[in-house]
N, C-alpha and C. Protein backbone atom coordinates (compact mmCIF):
# COMPACT_ATOMS: atom_id res chain seq x y z
N UNK A 1 126.88 151.75 88.15
CA UNK A 1 126.57 151.92 86.95
C UNK A 1 124.88 152.14 87.33
N UNK A 2 123.87 151.21 87.97
CA UNK A 2 122.19 151.49 87.30
C UNK A 2 122.23 152.23 88.61
N UNK A 3 122.99 152.96 89.35
CA UNK A 3 122.20 154.20 90.36
C UNK A 3 122.95 155.81 89.86
N UNK A 4 123.65 155.41 88.79
CA UNK A 4 123.96 156.65 88.04
C UNK A 4 122.48 156.67 87.54
N UNK A 5 122.50 155.90 86.23
CA UNK A 5 121.17 155.85 85.23
C UNK A 5 119.92 155.79 85.99
N UNK A 6 119.64 155.52 87.08
CA UNK A 6 118.40 155.81 87.74
C UNK A 6 118.13 157.21 88.03
N UNK A 7 118.99 157.31 89.23
CA UNK A 7 119.09 158.58 89.73
C UNK A 7 118.75 160.15 88.35
N UNK A 8 119.62 159.56 87.48
CA UNK A 8 119.44 160.94 86.60
C UNK A 8 118.30 160.43 85.59
N UNK A 9 118.05 159.74 85.71
CA UNK A 9 116.97 159.76 84.47
C UNK A 9 114.88 159.22 85.62
N UNK A 10 115.32 159.11 86.30
CA UNK A 10 114.47 159.11 87.41
C UNK A 10 113.63 159.73 88.37
N UNK A 11 114.99 160.23 88.97
CA UNK A 11 114.95 161.04 90.25
C UNK A 11 114.97 162.58 90.65
N UNK A 12 115.32 162.54 89.27
CA UNK A 12 115.85 164.71 88.60
C UNK A 12 114.76 165.35 89.60
N UNK A 13 114.65 166.09 90.17
CA UNK A 13 113.70 167.34 90.80
C UNK A 13 114.05 168.65 90.32
N UNK A 14 115.11 168.70 90.09
CA UNK A 14 115.98 169.96 89.82
C UNK A 14 116.99 169.97 88.70
N UNK A 15 116.88 170.81 87.74
CA UNK A 15 118.14 170.57 86.64
C UNK A 15 119.75 170.90 87.05
N UNK A 16 119.03 172.29 87.77
CA UNK A 16 120.73 173.12 88.52
C UNK A 16 121.65 171.99 89.09
N UNK A 17 120.85 171.12 90.49
CA UNK A 17 121.56 170.21 91.29
C UNK A 17 121.30 169.37 90.39
N UNK A 18 121.23 168.63 89.50
CA UNK A 18 121.63 167.87 88.59
C UNK A 18 123.11 167.63 87.81
N UNK A 19 122.62 168.60 87.23
CA UNK A 19 123.73 169.87 86.18
C UNK A 19 125.30 169.84 87.79
N UNK A 20 124.97 170.26 89.07
CA UNK A 20 126.22 170.70 89.86
C UNK A 20 126.80 169.59 90.17
N UNK A 21 125.73 168.53 90.35
CA UNK A 21 126.08 166.72 90.94
C UNK A 21 126.69 166.41 89.61
N UNK A 22 126.15 166.27 88.18
CA UNK A 22 127.69 165.91 87.30
C UNK A 22 128.84 166.79 87.09
N UNK A 23 129.20 167.84 87.56
CA UNK A 23 130.13 168.91 87.50
C UNK A 23 130.93 168.00 88.35
N UNK A 24 130.61 167.97 89.82
CA UNK A 24 131.27 167.50 90.67
C UNK A 24 131.92 165.40 90.38
N UNK A 25 130.84 165.30 89.71
CA UNK A 25 131.36 163.80 89.34
C UNK A 25 132.71 163.97 88.28
N UNK A 26 132.39 164.86 87.68
CA UNK A 26 133.89 164.48 86.49
C UNK A 26 134.49 165.36 87.10
N UNK A 27 134.64 165.91 88.02
CA UNK A 27 135.89 166.16 88.85
C UNK A 27 136.98 164.96 89.46
N UNK A 28 136.27 164.07 89.50
CA UNK A 28 136.69 163.15 90.26
C UNK A 28 137.34 161.97 89.13
N UNK A 29 138.30 161.27 89.80
CA UNK A 29 138.95 160.03 88.76
C UNK A 29 138.71 158.77 88.69
N UNK A 30 137.63 158.87 87.09
CA UNK A 30 136.83 157.67 88.13
C UNK A 30 137.08 157.03 86.44
N UNK A 31 136.87 155.55 86.39
CA UNK A 31 137.09 154.60 85.05
C UNK A 31 136.24 155.43 84.10
N UNK A 32 137.03 155.29 82.78
CA UNK A 32 136.22 155.63 81.35
C UNK A 32 134.97 155.61 81.17
N UNK A 33 134.36 153.98 81.63
CA UNK A 33 132.95 153.52 81.79
C UNK A 33 131.84 154.71 82.45
N UNK A 34 132.45 154.72 83.05
CA UNK A 34 131.80 155.76 84.36
C UNK A 34 131.73 157.04 83.42
N UNK A 35 132.83 157.80 83.27
CA UNK A 35 132.67 158.96 82.68
C UNK A 35 132.28 159.34 81.42
N UNK A 36 132.09 157.84 80.75
CA UNK A 36 130.95 158.02 79.49
C UNK A 36 129.66 157.99 79.93
N UNK A 37 129.35 157.70 81.06
CA UNK A 37 127.91 157.25 81.19
C UNK A 37 127.91 158.53 82.16
N UNK A 38 128.65 159.61 82.52
CA UNK A 38 128.31 160.53 82.95
C UNK A 38 128.12 161.61 82.35
N UNK A 39 128.92 161.48 80.85
CA UNK A 39 128.71 162.17 80.05
C UNK A 39 127.46 162.23 78.93
N UNK A 40 126.89 160.66 79.51
CA UNK A 40 125.42 161.27 78.77
C UNK A 40 124.62 161.45 79.26
N UNK A 41 124.39 161.04 80.31
CA UNK A 41 122.85 161.78 81.34
C UNK A 41 123.56 163.78 81.49
N UNK A 42 124.27 164.25 80.57
CA UNK A 42 123.32 165.98 80.62
C UNK A 42 122.17 166.09 79.51
N UNK A 43 122.10 164.90 78.90
CA UNK A 43 120.95 165.10 77.99
C UNK A 43 119.78 164.55 78.88
N UNK A 44 120.42 163.70 80.24
CA UNK A 44 118.75 163.68 81.13
C UNK A 44 118.62 165.39 81.59
N UNK A 45 119.98 165.94 82.05
CA UNK A 45 119.89 167.47 82.43
C UNK A 45 118.72 168.06 81.65
N UNK A 46 119.00 168.60 80.41
CA UNK A 46 118.38 169.25 79.79
C UNK A 46 117.16 168.95 79.49
N UNK A 47 116.55 167.37 79.26
CA UNK A 47 115.28 167.43 79.84
C UNK A 47 113.97 167.74 80.79
N UNK A 48 115.18 167.30 81.99
CA UNK A 48 114.49 167.92 83.17
C UNK A 48 114.52 169.74 82.98
N UNK A 49 115.47 170.05 82.66
CA UNK A 49 115.32 171.67 82.48
C UNK A 49 114.38 171.97 81.15
N UNK A 50 113.70 171.50 80.55
CA UNK A 50 112.89 171.62 79.52
C UNK A 50 111.50 171.63 80.22
N UNK A 51 111.61 170.60 81.25
CA UNK A 51 110.21 170.32 81.58
C UNK A 51 109.88 171.39 82.81
N UNK A 52 111.12 171.75 83.41
CA UNK A 52 110.91 173.30 84.44
C UNK A 52 110.48 174.27 83.74
N UNK A 53 111.19 174.72 82.14
CA UNK A 53 111.09 175.59 81.26
C UNK A 53 109.27 176.23 80.67
N UNK A 54 108.55 174.46 80.53
CA UNK A 54 107.48 174.35 80.28
C UNK A 54 106.47 175.31 81.31
N UNK A 55 106.79 174.51 83.26
CA UNK A 55 106.14 174.26 84.33
C UNK A 55 106.18 176.40 84.17
N UNK A 56 106.94 176.84 84.32
CA UNK A 56 107.66 178.25 84.25
C UNK A 56 106.77 179.12 83.20
N UNK A 57 106.63 178.49 81.92
CA UNK A 57 106.35 179.31 81.02
C UNK A 57 104.66 179.22 81.39
N UNK A 58 103.67 177.76 82.05
CA UNK A 58 102.66 177.64 82.10
C UNK A 58 102.23 178.63 83.63
N UNK A 59 103.18 178.86 84.70
CA UNK A 59 102.87 179.82 85.41
C UNK A 59 102.95 181.36 84.90
N UNK A 60 103.39 181.47 84.28
CA UNK A 60 103.72 182.87 83.63
C UNK A 60 102.29 183.30 82.87
N UNK A 61 101.91 182.38 81.97
CA UNK A 61 100.53 182.66 81.25
C UNK A 61 99.42 182.44 82.00
N UNK A 62 99.56 181.84 83.17
CA UNK A 62 98.21 181.29 83.95
C UNK A 62 98.25 182.46 85.55
N UNK A 63 99.54 183.18 85.01
CA UNK A 63 99.20 183.94 85.97
C UNK A 63 99.69 185.49 86.01
N UNK A 64 99.36 186.27 84.26
CA UNK A 64 100.04 187.13 84.25
C UNK A 64 99.30 188.40 83.73
N UNK A 65 97.74 188.23 84.28
CA UNK A 65 96.84 189.05 84.06
C UNK A 65 96.63 189.43 86.39
N UNK A 66 96.99 188.33 86.76
CA UNK A 66 96.55 188.79 88.00
C UNK A 66 97.18 187.69 89.09
N UNK A 67 99.09 188.23 88.48
CA UNK A 67 100.13 188.26 89.97
C UNK A 67 100.25 187.79 90.90
N UNK A 68 100.56 186.96 91.76
CA UNK A 68 100.51 186.96 93.22
C UNK A 68 101.52 188.14 93.85
N UNK A 69 101.05 189.08 93.93
CA UNK A 69 101.58 190.57 94.58
C UNK A 69 101.85 190.30 95.92
N UNK A 70 102.98 190.84 96.65
CA UNK A 70 103.46 191.14 98.45
C UNK A 70 101.95 191.99 98.59
N UNK A 71 102.00 192.25 99.92
CA UNK A 71 100.79 192.94 100.60
C UNK A 71 100.97 195.03 100.03
N UNK A 72 102.62 195.24 101.07
CA UNK A 72 102.81 196.35 100.06
C UNK A 72 103.24 196.94 99.30
N UNK A 73 103.12 196.02 97.85
CA UNK A 73 103.81 196.25 97.04
C UNK A 73 102.87 197.13 95.81
N UNK A 74 103.00 198.44 95.24
CA UNK A 74 102.49 198.95 94.47
C UNK A 74 102.12 197.74 93.24
N UNK A 75 100.82 197.45 92.40
CA UNK A 75 100.65 196.53 91.58
C UNK A 75 101.28 196.25 90.59
N UNK A 76 102.00 197.85 89.81
CA UNK A 76 102.55 197.13 88.74
C UNK A 76 104.35 197.28 89.20
N UNK A 77 105.09 197.59 89.93
CA UNK A 77 106.09 197.26 90.82
C UNK A 77 106.18 195.53 91.57
N UNK A 78 104.44 194.93 91.43
CA UNK A 78 104.67 194.02 92.23
C UNK A 78 104.59 192.56 90.91
N UNK A 79 103.87 193.32 89.86
CA UNK A 79 103.99 192.63 88.69
C UNK A 79 105.25 192.44 88.34
N UNK A 80 105.77 193.47 87.93
CA UNK A 80 107.31 193.28 87.52
C UNK A 80 108.50 192.17 88.86
N UNK A 81 107.61 192.41 89.79
CA UNK A 81 108.83 191.73 90.44
C UNK A 81 108.37 190.23 90.35
N UNK A 82 107.07 189.92 90.36
CA UNK A 82 106.53 188.73 89.67
C UNK A 82 107.67 188.01 88.51
N UNK A 83 107.46 188.95 87.40
CA UNK A 83 107.95 188.57 86.67
C UNK A 83 109.57 188.19 86.59
N UNK A 84 109.78 189.31 86.91
CA UNK A 84 111.59 188.74 87.08
C UNK A 84 112.08 187.52 88.29
N UNK A 85 110.89 187.42 89.14
CA UNK A 85 111.23 185.92 89.71
C UNK A 85 111.45 184.88 88.98
N UNK A 86 110.33 185.31 88.09
CA UNK A 86 110.39 183.53 87.12
C UNK A 86 111.57 183.56 86.35
N UNK A 87 112.02 184.76 86.13
CA UNK A 87 113.16 184.91 85.26
C UNK A 87 114.38 184.72 86.03
N UNK A 88 114.63 185.01 87.13
CA UNK A 88 115.34 184.34 87.89
C UNK A 88 115.67 182.85 87.72
N UNK A 89 114.44 182.51 88.02
CA UNK A 89 114.41 180.82 87.88
C UNK A 89 114.79 180.26 87.07
N UNK A 90 114.73 181.10 85.87
CA UNK A 90 114.97 179.88 84.37
C UNK A 90 116.18 180.39 83.92
N UNK A 91 116.78 181.64 84.58
CA UNK A 91 118.12 181.63 83.82
C UNK A 91 119.04 181.10 85.11
N UNK A 92 118.93 181.16 86.27
CA UNK A 92 120.15 180.26 87.08
C UNK A 92 120.71 179.49 86.48
N UNK A 93 119.73 178.30 85.86
CA UNK A 93 120.35 176.99 85.55
C UNK A 93 121.27 177.56 83.82
N UNK A 94 120.88 178.45 83.56
CA UNK A 94 121.44 178.55 82.07
C UNK A 94 122.72 178.96 82.70
N UNK A 95 123.02 179.47 83.41
CA UNK A 95 124.24 180.51 83.48
C UNK A 95 124.96 179.24 84.17
N UNK A 96 125.06 178.58 84.50
CA UNK A 96 125.73 177.32 84.94
C UNK A 96 126.11 176.33 83.38
N UNK A 97 125.29 176.06 82.67
CA UNK A 97 124.92 175.32 81.44
C UNK A 97 126.00 175.38 81.16
N UNK A 98 126.33 177.01 80.60
CA UNK A 98 127.60 178.32 79.59
C UNK A 98 128.71 177.25 80.14
N UNK A 99 128.98 177.00 81.60
CA UNK A 99 129.90 176.77 81.92
C UNK A 99 130.59 175.36 81.18
N UNK A 100 129.77 174.73 80.60
CA UNK A 100 130.03 173.05 80.12
C UNK A 100 129.45 173.07 78.93
N UNK A 101 129.23 174.18 78.13
CA UNK A 101 127.81 174.24 77.07
C UNK A 101 128.87 172.54 75.80
N UNK A 102 129.82 173.29 76.06
CA UNK A 102 130.86 171.60 75.03
C UNK A 102 129.79 170.30 75.69
N UNK A 103 130.01 170.06 76.96
CA UNK A 103 129.23 168.96 77.21
C UNK A 103 127.68 168.86 77.06
N UNK A 104 126.88 169.87 76.50
CA UNK A 104 125.14 169.80 76.45
C UNK A 104 125.17 169.89 75.30
N UNK A 105 126.14 170.05 74.21
CA UNK A 105 126.09 169.59 73.10
C UNK A 105 126.87 169.12 72.34
N UNK A 106 126.79 167.98 72.89
CA UNK A 106 127.30 166.49 72.29
C UNK A 106 126.12 166.15 71.13
N UNK A 107 126.92 165.06 70.50
CA UNK A 107 125.88 164.83 69.39
C UNK A 107 124.60 164.45 69.79
N UNK A 108 124.62 163.21 70.57
CA UNK A 108 123.24 162.76 71.35
C UNK A 108 122.46 163.96 72.43
N UNK A 109 122.62 164.57 72.66
CA UNK A 109 121.71 165.58 73.05
C UNK A 109 121.83 167.22 72.19
N UNK A 110 122.51 167.27 71.25
CA UNK A 110 122.03 168.58 70.18
C UNK A 110 120.52 168.78 70.04
N UNK A 111 119.79 168.46 69.66
CA UNK A 111 118.81 168.17 69.31
C UNK A 111 117.72 168.65 70.57
N UNK A 112 118.04 168.17 71.46
CA UNK A 112 117.48 168.51 72.78
C UNK A 112 117.91 169.86 73.26
N UNK A 113 119.10 170.38 73.26
CA UNK A 113 120.02 171.20 73.36
C UNK A 113 119.09 172.63 72.55
N UNK A 114 119.25 172.10 71.42
CA UNK A 114 118.42 173.15 70.65
C UNK A 114 116.84 173.97 70.92
N UNK A 115 116.22 173.04 71.28
CA UNK A 115 114.99 172.58 71.08
C UNK A 115 114.77 173.53 72.84
N UNK A 116 115.38 173.00 73.86
CA UNK A 116 115.44 174.25 75.36
C UNK A 116 115.91 175.54 75.04
N UNK A 117 117.59 175.11 74.14
CA UNK A 117 117.91 176.78 74.12
C UNK A 117 116.36 177.49 73.54
N UNK A 118 115.52 177.46 72.26
CA UNK A 118 114.68 178.26 71.91
C UNK A 118 113.55 178.17 73.03
N UNK A 119 113.26 177.73 73.57
CA UNK A 119 112.38 177.51 74.12
C UNK A 119 112.53 178.72 75.43
N UNK A 120 113.84 178.74 75.79
CA UNK A 120 114.34 179.89 76.82
C UNK A 120 114.32 181.27 76.59
N UNK A 121 115.09 180.92 75.26
CA UNK A 121 115.03 182.23 74.91
C UNK A 121 113.53 182.91 74.08
N UNK A 122 112.68 182.52 73.95
CA UNK A 122 111.27 182.60 73.70
C UNK A 122 110.57 183.34 74.83
N UNK A 123 110.32 182.36 76.12
CA UNK A 123 110.22 182.48 77.17
C UNK A 123 110.79 183.88 78.08
N UNK A 124 112.25 184.07 77.84
CA UNK A 124 112.64 185.42 78.45
C UNK A 124 112.31 186.08 77.63
N UNK A 125 112.17 186.45 76.21
CA UNK A 125 111.58 187.73 75.55
C UNK A 125 109.92 188.26 76.38
N UNK A 126 108.98 187.02 75.96
CA UNK A 126 108.10 187.08 76.83
C UNK A 126 108.47 187.98 78.12
N UNK A 127 108.66 187.17 78.98
CA UNK A 127 108.58 187.96 80.05
C UNK A 127 109.50 189.40 79.86
N UNK A 128 110.35 189.74 79.89
CA UNK A 128 111.21 191.42 79.71
C UNK A 128 110.55 192.14 78.53
N UNK A 129 110.72 191.64 77.26
CA UNK A 129 109.91 192.56 76.64
C UNK A 129 108.42 192.80 76.37
N UNK A 130 108.44 191.44 76.40
CA UNK A 130 106.37 191.27 75.95
C UNK A 130 105.66 191.80 77.14
N UNK A 131 106.52 191.53 78.33
CA UNK A 131 105.61 191.71 79.49
C UNK A 131 106.22 192.70 80.45
N UNK A 132 106.94 192.85 80.84
CA UNK A 132 107.68 194.06 81.97
C UNK A 132 107.95 195.13 81.18
N UNK A 133 108.29 195.13 80.18
CA UNK A 133 108.67 196.32 79.40
C UNK A 133 106.81 197.47 78.93
N UNK A 134 106.18 196.08 78.61
CA UNK A 134 104.52 197.04 78.33
C UNK A 134 104.54 197.15 79.25
N UNK A 135 104.45 196.91 81.09
CA UNK A 135 103.96 196.89 82.25
C UNK A 135 104.77 199.11 82.98
N UNK A 136 106.08 198.54 82.11
CA UNK A 136 106.69 199.77 82.84
C UNK A 136 106.11 200.59 81.81
N UNK A 137 106.07 200.89 80.56
CA UNK A 137 105.46 201.57 79.42
C UNK A 137 104.03 202.56 79.95
N UNK A 138 103.24 201.88 80.24
CA UNK A 138 101.85 201.95 80.24
C UNK A 138 101.94 202.83 81.76
N UNK A 139 103.17 202.64 82.63
CA UNK A 139 103.19 203.32 83.69
C UNK A 139 103.95 204.31 83.49
N UNK A 140 104.61 204.48 82.88
CA UNK A 140 105.51 206.28 82.66
C UNK A 140 104.83 206.45 82.14
N UNK A 141 103.81 206.59 80.49
CA UNK A 141 102.99 207.14 80.10
C UNK A 141 102.03 207.75 80.87
N UNK A 142 101.37 206.92 81.32
CA UNK A 142 100.25 207.55 82.66
C UNK A 142 100.77 208.30 83.78
N UNK A 143 101.98 208.17 84.24
CA UNK A 143 102.53 208.90 85.30
C UNK A 143 103.22 210.66 84.62
N UNK A 144 103.49 210.41 83.20
CA UNK A 144 103.92 211.29 82.22
C UNK A 144 102.91 212.21 82.37
N UNK A 145 101.50 211.82 81.96
CA UNK A 145 100.66 212.34 81.85
C UNK A 145 99.76 213.03 82.71
N UNK A 146 100.38 212.46 84.26
CA UNK A 146 99.85 213.26 85.66
C UNK A 146 100.43 214.50 85.82
N UNK A 147 101.58 214.19 85.45
CA UNK A 147 102.31 215.40 85.65
C UNK A 147 102.65 216.45 84.68
N UNK A 148 102.36 216.47 83.71
CA UNK A 148 102.18 217.14 82.76
C UNK A 148 101.23 218.24 83.50
């Protein structure tokens, strides 16, 4: 039991892999006490994902004006690809979380779940509507004017 507690509270590096591990444990027939402890660890996974969201948000804020772009990629396309890569990193865990949303929305983790969901939606909107769409609209307007 201590191994489970320590693993999910101190050694998490990826919310996605921790969630996968929890799902694998759920399929194993174990004692009720261990199942209960595993159910409680979903909150730790949400807390880890919250940290990952903060890191991705900081990465986006610090690099949105001058993101790293591949050498042979046009500037605007590179910026959009960079934003989509961040979006992919935050979206993959959410897709997995949806498969066990009842576990994530238990009373002990409900507030954490709401906070994480709100932060995810805000960052996803910033990346999609606030960043990618503006780049595309600017590119379209410039090229439409050149074509006319």
